[in-house]
Amino acid sequence: MRLETKRLYLRNWTEEDAEALYHCAKNPKVGPMAGWPAHQNVKESLKIIQDLLLTPYTFALILKEKNEIIGNVSLNIEEENPSSAELGCWMDVPFWGQELGVEALKEVIRFGFQELKLKELWASHFEENHQSRRLQEKCELRFRYKKENVDCPLIHAVKTKYFNYITREEWLKNERGIAK
């Protein structure tokens, strides 16, 4: 599957992407902010692709101008509530602050509501992850609740986590407002 924005291609991961994933995910500023440790080698990145990223709505973010993988964006439909899905997005540090995450996440939100007919999308972020908070705000997700003392075993930490949501109706209203 492939989606496209002005500056990005979003396509499913393949095992051949292991080296590119490692290049992005080895940075210690990236993974721990999302609750996972920096990747240690290409072999580990390949295993992550095989075990976690080969799902229908998990996309490698490819910067068109360089044809380079710069991160990941995902939409994970909940088994217990198939009309709802969790959004996720991360990218390598050199690409922060360029609104690429906003561009990617807005396209996945559009896809979730228009193509998959989902009713609600949500994302979470840790209290100290201000970049994710701003990304979610810019994509019109609104705070619903927080959980304290969330165990994060992969990074050996306990954190406070914020949960933000957008419904299909809110998104449609926002889209109509932009179109005017």
N, C-alpha and C. Protein backbone atom coordinates (compact mmCIF):
# COMPACT_ATOMS: atom_id res chain seq x y z
N MET A 1 0.85 -1.17 0.00
CA MET A 1 0.00 0.00 0.00
C MET A 1 0.89 1.24 0.00
N ARG A 2 0.42 2.27 -0.68
CA ARG A 2 1.21 3.50 -0.78
C ARG A 2 0.29 4.71 -0.71
N LEU A 3 0.65 5.65 0.14
CA LEU A 3 -0.02 6.93 0.23
C LEU A 3 1.00 8.00 -0.15
N GLU A 4 0.51 9.19 -0.43
CA GLU A 4 1.42 10.23 -0.88
C GLU A 4 0.96 11.59 -0.37
N THR A 5 1.93 12.42 -0.03
CA THR A 5 1.68 13.82 0.33
C THR A 5 2.56 14.67 -0.57
N LYS A 6 2.57 15.95 -0.32
CA LYS A 6 3.38 16.86 -1.13
C LYS A 6 4.86 16.48 -1.11
N ARG A 7 5.38 16.15 0.08
CA ARG A 7 6.82 15.89 0.21
C ARG A 7 7.18 14.45 0.57
N LEU A 8 6.17 13.60 0.79
CA LEU A 8 6.44 12.26 1.30
C LEU A 8 5.70 11.18 0.53
N TYR A 9 6.34 10.02 0.47
CA TYR A 9 5.66 8.78 0.13
C TYR A 9 5.52 8.00 1.43
N LEU A 10 4.39 7.36 1.63
CA LEU A 10 4.17 6.49 2.77
C LEU A 10 3.90 5.11 2.18
N ARG A 11 4.78 4.16 2.46
CA ARG A 11 4.59 2.82 1.92
C ARG A 11 4.91 1.80 3.00
N ASN A 12 4.39 0.59 2.80
CA ASN A 12 4.64 -0.47 3.76
C ASN A 12 6.14 -0.79 3.83
N TRP A 13 6.56 -1.18 5.01
CA TRP A 13 7.94 -1.59 5.23
C TRP A 13 8.21 -2.92 4.54
N THR A 14 9.46 -3.15 4.17
CA THR A 14 9.92 -4.44 3.66
C THR A 14 11.19 -4.82 4.43
N GLU A 15 11.55 -6.07 4.38
CA GLU A 15 12.78 -6.51 5.05
C GLU A 15 14.01 -5.81 4.49
N GLU A 16 13.94 -5.40 3.24
CA GLU A 16 15.06 -4.70 2.60
C GLU A 16 15.30 -3.31 3.21
N ASP A 17 14.38 -2.85 4.03
CA ASP A 17 14.51 -1.53 4.67
C ASP A 17 15.29 -1.56 5.98
N ALA A 18 15.82 -2.71 6.36
CA ALA A 18 16.46 -2.85 7.67
C ALA A 18 17.59 -1.85 7.88
N GLU A 19 18.44 -1.66 6.90
CA GLU A 19 19.56 -0.73 7.07
C GLU A 19 19.07 0.71 7.23
N ALA A 20 18.07 1.08 6.44
CA ALA A 20 17.52 2.44 6.53
C ALA A 20 16.82 2.64 7.88
N LEU A 21 16.10 1.62 8.35
CA LEU A 21 15.47 1.72 9.66
C LEU A 21 16.53 1.89 10.74
N TYR A 22 17.57 1.10 10.68
CA TYR A 22 18.65 1.22 11.67
C TYR A 22 19.24 2.63 11.66
N HIS A 23 19.46 3.17 10.48
CA HIS A 23 20.03 4.51 10.37
C HIS A 23 19.18 5.54 11.13
N CYS A 24 17.86 5.41 11.04
CA CYS A 24 16.95 6.34 11.74
C CYS A 24 16.81 6.01 13.22
N ALA A 25 16.67 4.72 13.53
CA ALA A 25 16.29 4.28 14.88
C ALA A 25 17.47 4.10 15.83
N LYS A 26 18.69 4.27 15.35
CA LYS A 26 19.85 4.14 16.24
C LYS A 26 20.06 5.40 17.08
N ASN A 27 19.44 6.49 16.69
CA ASN A 27 19.61 7.76 17.38
C ASN A 27 18.94 7.69 18.76
N PRO A 28 19.69 7.91 19.84
CA PRO A 28 19.10 7.80 21.18
C PRO A 28 18.07 8.88 21.50
N LYS A 29 17.93 9.88 20.64
CA LYS A 29 16.89 10.90 20.86
C LYS A 29 15.54 10.47 20.28
N VAL A 30 15.51 9.41 19.48
CA VAL A 30 14.28 9.02 18.78
C VAL A 30 13.46 8.02 19.58
N GLY A 31 13.94 6.80 19.72
CA GLY A 31 13.17 5.72 20.33
C GLY A 31 12.71 5.95 21.76
N PRO A 32 13.60 6.33 22.66
CA PRO A 32 13.18 6.49 24.05
C PRO A 32 12.02 7.48 24.24
N MET A 33 11.92 8.48 23.38
CA MET A 33 10.80 9.43 23.46
C MET A 33 9.47 8.74 23.14
N ALA A 34 9.56 7.61 22.39
CA ALA A 34 8.36 6.86 22.03
C ALA A 34 8.20 5.59 22.86
N GLY A 35 9.15 5.33 23.74
CA GLY A 35 9.02 4.17 24.62
C GLY A 35 9.80 2.94 24.21
N TRP A 36 10.71 3.09 23.26
CA TRP A 36 11.54 1.95 22.85
C TRP A 36 13.01 2.38 22.78
N PRO A 37 13.92 1.43 23.00
CA PRO A 37 15.35 1.78 23.01
C PRO A 37 15.89 1.98 21.60
N ALA A 38 16.96 2.75 21.51
CA ALA A 38 17.64 2.93 20.23
C ALA A 38 18.09 1.57 19.70
N HIS A 39 17.98 1.39 18.40
CA HIS A 39 18.42 0.13 17.79
C HIS A 39 19.94 0.02 17.87
N GLN A 40 20.43 -1.19 18.09
CA GLN A 40 21.86 -1.42 18.27
C GLN A 40 22.58 -1.84 17.00
N ASN A 41 21.85 -2.44 16.04
CA ASN A 41 22.47 -2.91 14.80
C ASN A 41 21.40 -3.21 13.76
N VAL A 42 21.83 -3.47 12.53
CA VAL A 42 20.90 -3.73 11.42
C VAL A 42 20.10 -5.00 11.67
N LYS A 43 20.72 -6.00 12.28
CA LYS A 43 20.03 -7.26 12.57
C LYS A 43 18.82 -7.01 13.50
N GLU A 44 19.01 -6.17 14.50
CA GLU A 44 17.90 -5.83 15.40
C GLU A 44 16.79 -5.10 14.63
N SER A 45 17.18 -4.19 13.76
CA SER A 45 16.19 -3.45 12.96
C SER A 45 15.41 -4.40 12.05
N LEU A 46 16.08 -5.39 11.48
CA LEU A 46 15.39 -6.38 10.65
C LEU A 46 14.37 -7.14 11.49
N LYS A 47 14.74 -7.53 12.69
CA LYS A 47 13.80 -8.25 13.56
C LYS A 47 12.60 -7.37 13.92
N ILE A 48 12.83 -6.09 14.15
CA ILE A 48 11.73 -5.16 14.44
C ILE A 48 10.78 -5.09 13.23
N ILE A 49 11.35 -5.02 12.04
CA ILE A 49 10.51 -5.01 10.83
C ILE A 49 9.69 -6.28 10.78
N GLN A 50 10.34 -7.43 10.95
CA GLN A 50 9.65 -8.72 10.85
C GLN A 50 8.57 -8.88 11.92
N ASP A 51 8.87 -8.46 13.14
CA ASP A 51 7.96 -8.70 14.26
C ASP A 51 6.89 -7.63 14.44
N LEU A 52 7.18 -6.38 14.06
CA LEU A 52 6.28 -5.28 14.40
C LEU A 52 5.80 -4.43 13.23
N LEU A 53 6.62 -4.26 12.22
CA LEU A 53 6.30 -3.25 11.21
C LEU A 53 5.64 -3.80 9.95
N LEU A 54 5.60 -5.11 9.78
CA LEU A 54 4.97 -5.68 8.59
C LEU A 54 3.47 -5.84 8.80
N THR A 55 2.81 -4.74 9.02
CA THR A 55 1.36 -4.72 9.20
C THR A 55 0.76 -3.82 8.12
N PRO A 56 -0.52 -4.00 7.81
CA PRO A 56 -1.10 -3.29 6.65
C PRO A 56 -1.01 -1.78 6.71
N TYR A 57 -1.10 -1.19 7.89
CA TYR A 57 -1.17 0.27 7.98
C TYR A 57 0.00 0.86 8.76
N THR A 58 1.16 0.23 8.63
CA THR A 58 2.40 0.77 9.19
C THR A 58 3.29 1.13 8.02
N PHE A 59 3.65 2.40 7.95
CA PHE A 59 4.30 2.93 6.75
C PHE A 59 5.68 3.52 7.03
N ALA A 60 6.61 3.21 6.15
CA ALA A 60 7.89 3.91 6.12
C ALA A 60 7.63 5.28 5.53
N LEU A 61 8.21 6.31 6.14
CA LEU A 61 8.11 7.68 5.61
C LEU A 61 9.30 7.90 4.70
N ILE A 62 9.03 8.22 3.44
CA ILE A 62 10.10 8.42 2.47
C ILE A 62 10.06 9.85 1.97
N LEU A 63 11.15 10.56 2.19
CA LEU A 63 11.28 11.93 1.72
C LEU A 63 11.46 11.88 0.20
N LYS A 64 10.52 12.46 -0.53
CA LYS A 64 10.54 12.39 -2.00
C LYS A 64 11.84 12.93 -2.59
N GLU A 65 12.28 14.09 -2.13
CA GLU A 65 13.41 14.76 -2.77
C GLU A 65 14.71 13.96 -2.66
N LYS A 66 14.82 13.08 -1.66
CA LYS A 66 16.04 12.28 -1.50
C LYS A 66 15.78 10.78 -1.66
N ASN A 67 14.50 10.39 -1.80
CA ASN A 67 14.11 8.98 -1.84
C ASN A 67 14.73 8.23 -0.65
N GLU A 68 14.58 8.81 0.53
CA GLU A 68 15.23 8.32 1.74
C GLU A 68 14.19 8.08 2.83
N ILE A 69 14.29 6.94 3.52
CA ILE A 69 13.42 6.66 4.66
C ILE A 69 13.85 7.55 5.82
N ILE A 70 12.87 8.27 6.38
CA ILE A 70 13.18 9.20 7.47
C ILE A 70 12.41 8.90 8.75
N GLY A 71 11.51 7.91 8.72
CA GLY A 71 10.74 7.61 9.92
C GLY A 71 9.61 6.64 9.65
N ASN A 72 8.60 6.70 10.50
CA ASN A 72 7.49 5.75 10.47
C ASN A 72 6.20 6.47 10.87
N VAL A 73 5.10 6.05 10.27
CA VAL A 73 3.78 6.50 10.70
C VAL A 73 2.87 5.27 10.64
N SER A 74 1.96 5.16 11.60
CA SER A 74 1.13 3.95 11.65
C SER A 74 -0.28 4.25 12.12
N LEU A 75 -1.13 3.32 11.77
CA LEU A 75 -2.53 3.34 12.18
C LEU A 75 -2.83 1.90 12.59
N ASN A 76 -3.04 1.67 13.88
CA ASN A 76 -3.27 0.32 14.41
C ASN A 76 -4.70 0.20 14.87
N ILE A 77 -5.48 -0.56 14.12
CA ILE A 77 -6.90 -0.75 14.44
C ILE A 77 -7.01 -1.64 15.67
N GLU A 78 -7.86 -1.23 16.60
CA GLU A 78 -8.04 -1.97 17.84
C GLU A 78 -8.88 -3.22 17.58
N GLU A 79 -8.41 -4.37 18.07
CA GLU A 79 -9.16 -5.61 17.90
C GLU A 79 -10.50 -5.56 18.62
N GLU A 80 -10.50 -5.02 19.84
CA GLU A 80 -11.73 -5.00 20.64
C GLU A 80 -12.71 -3.91 20.21
N ASN A 81 -12.22 -2.95 19.41
CA ASN A 81 -13.08 -1.87 18.91
C ASN A 81 -12.62 -1.50 17.50
N PRO A 82 -13.06 -2.26 16.49
CA PRO A 82 -12.55 -2.06 15.13
C PRO A 82 -12.93 -0.75 14.46
N SER A 83 -13.69 0.10 15.13
CA SER A 83 -13.99 1.42 14.57
C SER A 83 -13.03 2.49 15.11
N SER A 84 -12.07 2.05 15.93
CA SER A 84 -11.10 2.96 16.54
C SER A 84 -9.68 2.47 16.23
N ALA A 85 -8.75 3.42 16.12
CA ALA A 85 -7.36 3.04 15.84
C ALA A 85 -6.40 4.00 16.54
N GLU A 86 -5.23 3.45 16.88
CA GLU A 86 -4.16 4.25 17.46
C GLU A 86 -3.24 4.75 16.36
N LEU A 87 -2.87 6.00 16.43
CA LEU A 87 -1.91 6.61 15.51
C LEU A 87 -0.54 6.62 16.16
N GLY A 88 0.48 6.46 15.33
CA GLY A 88 1.85 6.57 15.81
C GLY A 88 2.70 7.24 14.76
N CYS A 89 3.70 7.98 15.19
CA CYS A 89 4.59 8.65 14.25
C CYS A 89 5.91 8.96 14.94
N TRP A 90 6.99 8.66 14.26
CA TRP A 90 8.31 9.08 14.72
C TRP A 90 9.19 9.30 13.50
N MET A 91 10.20 10.14 13.67
CA MET A 91 11.15 10.33 12.58
C MET A 91 12.52 10.70 13.13
N ASP A 92 13.51 10.52 12.27
CA ASP A 92 14.89 10.80 12.65
C ASP A 92 15.07 12.30 12.92
N VAL A 93 15.97 12.61 13.83
CA VAL A 93 16.17 13.97 14.32
C VAL A 93 16.42 15.02 13.23
N PRO A 94 17.22 14.75 12.19
CA PRO A 94 17.46 15.80 11.19
C PRO A 94 16.19 16.31 10.50
N PHE A 95 15.10 15.58 10.64
CA PHE A 95 13.87 15.95 9.95
C PHE A 95 12.82 16.55 10.89
N TRP A 96 13.18 16.72 12.15
CA TRP A 96 12.29 17.38 13.10
C TRP A 96 12.15 18.85 12.72
N GLY A 97 11.01 19.42 13.07
CA GLY A 97 10.80 20.86 12.90
C GLY A 97 10.50 21.31 11.49
N GLN A 98 10.22 20.38 10.59
CA GLN A 98 9.93 20.72 9.19
C GLN A 98 8.47 20.44 8.82
N GLU A 99 7.65 20.11 9.82
CA GLU A 99 6.23 19.81 9.61
C GLU A 99 6.01 18.54 8.79
N LEU A 100 7.03 17.70 8.63
CA LEU A 100 6.88 16.45 7.90
C LEU A 100 6.00 15.47 8.67
N GLY A 101 6.11 15.46 9.99
CA GLY A 101 5.26 14.60 10.80
C GLY A 101 3.80 15.00 10.69
N VAL A 102 3.54 16.29 10.68
CA VAL A 102 2.17 16.79 10.51
C VAL A 102 1.62 16.34 9.16
N GLU A 103 2.42 16.51 8.13
CA GLU A 103 2.02 16.12 6.78
C GLU A 103 1.69 14.63 6.71
N ALA A 104 2.54 13.80 7.28
CA ALA A 104 2.34 12.35 7.26
C ALA A 104 1.12 11.95 8.10
N LEU A 105 1.03 12.48 9.31
CA LEU A 105 -0.06 12.09 10.20
C LEU A 105 -1.41 12.54 9.66
N LYS A 106 -1.46 13.73 9.08
CA LYS A 106 -2.73 14.19 8.49
C LYS A 106 -3.18 13.28 7.36
N GLU A 107 -2.25 12.77 6.58
CA GLU A 107 -2.61 11.86 5.49
C GLU A 107 -3.12 10.53 6.04
N VAL A 108 -2.50 10.03 7.09
CA VAL A 108 -2.96 8.78 7.69
C VAL A 108 -4.32 8.98 8.36
N ILE A 109 -4.54 10.13 8.96
CA ILE A 109 -5.85 10.44 9.54
C ILE A 109 -6.90 10.48 8.43
N ARG A 110 -6.61 11.15 7.34
CA ARG A 110 -7.53 11.19 6.20
C ARG A 110 -7.83 9.77 5.72
N PHE A 111 -6.82 8.97 5.56
CA PHE A 111 -6.97 7.59 5.11
C PHE A 111 -7.86 6.81 6.09
N GLY A 112 -7.61 6.97 7.37
CA GLY A 112 -8.40 6.25 8.37
C GLY A 112 -9.87 6.61 8.35
N PHE A 113 -10.16 7.89 8.20
CA PHE A 113 -11.56 8.32 8.20
C PHE A 113 -12.22 8.14 6.84
N GLN A 114 -11.56 8.50 5.76
CA GLN A 114 -12.19 8.43 4.43
C GLN A 114 -12.20 7.02 3.86
N GLU A 115 -11.07 6.35 3.91
CA GLU A 115 -10.96 5.04 3.25
C GLU A 115 -11.40 3.89 4.15
N LEU A 116 -10.98 3.92 5.40
CA LEU A 116 -11.30 2.82 6.31
C LEU A 116 -12.60 3.05 7.08
N LYS A 117 -13.14 4.26 7.00
CA LYS A 117 -14.42 4.60 7.65
C LYS A 117 -14.37 4.41 9.17
N LEU A 118 -13.22 4.68 9.76
CA LEU A 118 -13.10 4.59 11.21
C LEU A 118 -13.89 5.72 11.86
N LYS A 119 -14.28 5.52 13.11
CA LYS A 119 -15.07 6.53 13.82
C LYS A 119 -14.24 7.39 14.75
N GLU A 120 -13.07 6.86 15.18
CA GLU A 120 -12.27 7.59 16.16
C GLU A 120 -10.80 7.18 16.00
N LEU A 121 -9.93 8.16 16.12
CA LEU A 121 -8.48 7.92 16.11
C LEU A 121 -7.89 8.55 17.36
N TRP A 122 -6.84 7.93 17.87
CA TRP A 122 -6.21 8.46 19.07
C TRP A 122 -4.70 8.24 19.01
N ALA A 123 -4.01 9.02 19.79
CA ALA A 123 -2.56 8.91 19.91
C ALA A 123 -2.19 9.25 21.35
N SER A 124 -1.02 8.82 21.74
CA SER A 124 -0.56 9.14 23.09
C SER A 124 0.87 9.67 23.02
N HIS A 125 1.27 10.30 24.10
CA HIS A 125 2.65 10.77 24.21
C HIS A 125 3.02 10.85 25.68
N PHE A 126 4.30 10.71 25.94
CA PHE A 126 4.78 10.87 27.30
C PHE A 126 4.83 12.35 27.66
N GLU A 127 4.72 12.62 28.94
CA GLU A 127 4.64 14.00 29.43
C GLU A 127 5.77 14.89 28.91
N GLU A 128 6.97 14.37 28.85
CA GLU A 128 8.12 15.18 28.44
C GLU A 128 8.31 15.26 26.92
N ASN A 129 7.49 14.54 26.16
CA ASN A 129 7.65 14.53 24.70
C ASN A 129 6.82 15.66 24.08
N HIS A 130 7.35 16.85 24.16
CA HIS A 130 6.64 18.04 23.67
C HIS A 130 6.47 18.03 22.15
N GLN A 131 7.40 17.40 21.43
CA GLN A 131 7.27 17.33 19.97
C GLN A 131 6.02 16.53 19.58
N SER A 132 5.82 15.39 20.23
CA SER A 132 4.63 14.59 19.93
C SER A 132 3.35 15.30 20.34
N ARG A 133 3.40 15.98 21.47
CA ARG A 133 2.22 16.74 21.90
C ARG A 133 1.84 17.77 20.84
N ARG A 134 2.82 18.54 20.37
CA ARG A 134 2.56 19.56 19.35
C ARG A 134 2.10 18.94 18.04
N LEU A 135 2.70 17.84 17.65
CA LEU A 135 2.29 17.15 16.43
C LEU A 135 0.82 16.76 16.52
N GLN A 136 0.43 16.18 17.63
CA GLN A 136 -0.96 15.76 17.80
C GLN A 136 -1.91 16.96 17.83
N GLU A 137 -1.51 18.04 18.47
CA GLU A 137 -2.34 19.25 18.48
C GLU A 137 -2.51 19.81 17.07
N LYS A 138 -1.44 19.85 16.30
CA LYS A 138 -1.50 20.38 14.94
C LYS A 138 -2.37 19.52 14.03
N CYS A 139 -2.54 18.27 14.40
CA CYS A 139 -3.41 17.37 13.63
C CYS A 139 -4.81 17.29 14.23
N GLU A 140 -5.12 18.24 15.11
CA GLU A 140 -6.46 18.41 15.69
C GLU A 140 -6.87 17.34 16.70
N LEU A 141 -5.93 16.54 17.20
CA LEU A 141 -6.27 15.62 18.27
C LEU A 141 -6.35 16.41 19.57
N ARG A 142 -7.32 16.09 20.39
CA ARG A 142 -7.55 16.83 21.62
C ARG A 142 -7.40 15.94 22.85
N PHE A 143 -6.87 16.53 23.90
CA PHE A 143 -6.63 15.80 25.14
C PHE A 143 -7.92 15.19 25.68
N ARG A 144 -7.83 13.92 26.07
CA ARG A 144 -8.97 13.27 26.70
C ARG A 144 -8.66 12.84 28.13
N TYR A 145 -7.49 12.24 28.36
CA TYR A 145 -7.13 11.85 29.72
C TYR A 145 -5.63 11.55 29.80
N LYS A 146 -5.15 11.40 31.04
CA LYS A 146 -3.75 11.01 31.23
C LYS A 146 -3.69 9.84 32.21
N LYS A 147 -2.62 9.06 32.08
CA LYS A 147 -2.35 7.96 33.00
C LYS A 147 -0.99 8.22 33.63
N GLU A 148 -0.94 8.11 34.94
CA GLU A 148 0.33 8.27 35.64
C GLU A 148 0.90 6.89 35.96
N ASN A 149 2.18 6.86 36.20
CA ASN A 149 2.88 5.63 36.58
C ASN A 149 2.73 4.52 35.54
N VAL A 150 2.87 4.87 34.28
CA VAL A 150 2.80 3.89 33.19
C VAL A 150 4.17 3.21 33.09
N ASP A 151 4.17 1.89 33.19
CA ASP A 151 5.41 1.13 33.10
C ASP A 151 5.87 1.07 31.64
N CYS A 152 7.12 1.39 31.40
CA CYS A 152 7.73 1.35 30.07
C CYS A 152 8.92 0.41 30.15
N PRO A 153 8.68 -0.91 30.11
CA PRO A 153 9.75 -1.87 30.37
C PRO A 153 10.89 -1.85 29.35
N LEU A 154 10.61 -1.48 28.12
CA LEU A 154 11.67 -1.48 27.11
C LEU A 154 12.75 -0.44 27.38
N ILE A 155 12.36 0.64 28.07
CA ILE A 155 13.34 1.68 28.40
C ILE A 155 13.55 1.80 29.91
N HIS A 156 13.01 0.83 30.66
CA HIS A 156 13.21 0.76 32.11
C HIS A 156 12.82 2.07 32.79
N ALA A 157 11.59 2.50 32.53
CA ALA A 157 11.13 3.77 33.09
C ALA A 157 9.65 3.68 33.46
N VAL A 158 9.23 4.60 34.29
CA VAL A 158 7.82 4.80 34.63
C VAL A 158 7.51 6.24 34.27
N LYS A 159 6.45 6.43 33.49
CA LYS A 159 6.17 7.76 32.95
C LYS A 159 4.69 8.11 33.06
N THR A 160 4.41 9.38 32.82
CA THR A 160 3.03 9.86 32.68
C THR A 160 2.74 9.95 31.19
N LYS A 161 1.57 9.43 30.82
CA LYS A 161 1.21 9.35 29.40
C LYS A 161 -0.12 10.09 29.17
N TYR A 162 -0.14 10.89 28.12
CA TYR A 162 -1.33 11.66 27.74
C TYR A 162 -1.98 11.02 26.52
N PHE A 163 -3.32 11.00 26.50
CA PHE A 163 -4.08 10.39 25.41
C PHE A 163 -4.94 11.45 24.75
N ASN A 164 -4.82 11.55 23.44
CA ASN A 164 -5.51 12.58 22.65
C ASN A 164 -6.31 11.91 21.54
N TYR A 165 -7.48 12.46 21.25
CA TYR A 165 -8.42 11.83 20.33
C TYR A 165 -8.96 12.82 19.30
N ILE A 166 -9.42 12.24 18.19
CA ILE A 166 -10.23 12.98 17.23
C ILE A 166 -11.27 12.01 16.68
N THR A 167 -12.51 12.48 16.57
CA THR A 167 -13.57 11.65 16.00
C THR A 167 -13.73 11.98 14.51
N ARG A 168 -14.39 11.09 13.82
CA ARG A 168 -14.65 11.33 12.40
C ARG A 168 -15.45 12.61 12.21
N GLU A 169 -16.43 12.84 13.07
CA GLU A 169 -17.26 14.05 12.97
C GLU A 169 -16.42 15.31 13.17
N GLU A 170 -15.52 15.30 14.15
CA GLU A 170 -14.64 16.46 14.37
C GLU A 170 -13.75 16.70 13.17
N TRP A 171 -13.21 15.62 12.62
CA TRP A 171 -12.33 15.74 11.46
C TRP A 171 -13.09 16.30 10.26
N LEU A 172 -14.30 15.79 10.02
CA LEU A 172 -15.10 16.29 8.90
C LEU A 172 -15.42 17.77 9.08
N LYS A 173 -15.74 18.17 10.29
CA LYS A 173 -16.02 19.58 10.58
C LYS A 173 -14.78 20.43 10.31
N ASN A 174 -13.62 19.96 10.75
CA ASN A 174 -12.37 20.69 10.51
C ASN A 174 -12.05 20.78 9.02
N GLU A 175 -12.28 19.70 8.30
CA GLU A 175 -12.01 19.69 6.86
C GLU A 175 -12.92 20.67 6.12
N ARG A 176 -14.18 20.71 6.51
CA ARG A 176 -15.11 21.66 5.88
C ARG A 176 -14.70 23.09 6.20
N GLY A 177 -14.22 23.32 7.41
CA GLY A 177 -13.76 24.65 7.80
C GLY A 177 -12.56 25.10 6.99
N ILE A 178 -11.65 24.18 6.72
CA ILE A 178 -10.45 24.49 5.93
C ILE A 178 -10.84 24.75 4.48
N ALA A 179 -11.82 24.01 3.98
CA ALA A 179 -12.22 24.13 2.58
C ALA A 179 -12.87 25.47 2.28
N LYS A 180 -13.43 26.12 3.30
CA LYS A 180 -14.13 27.40 3.09
C LYS A 180 -13.16 28.46 2.88
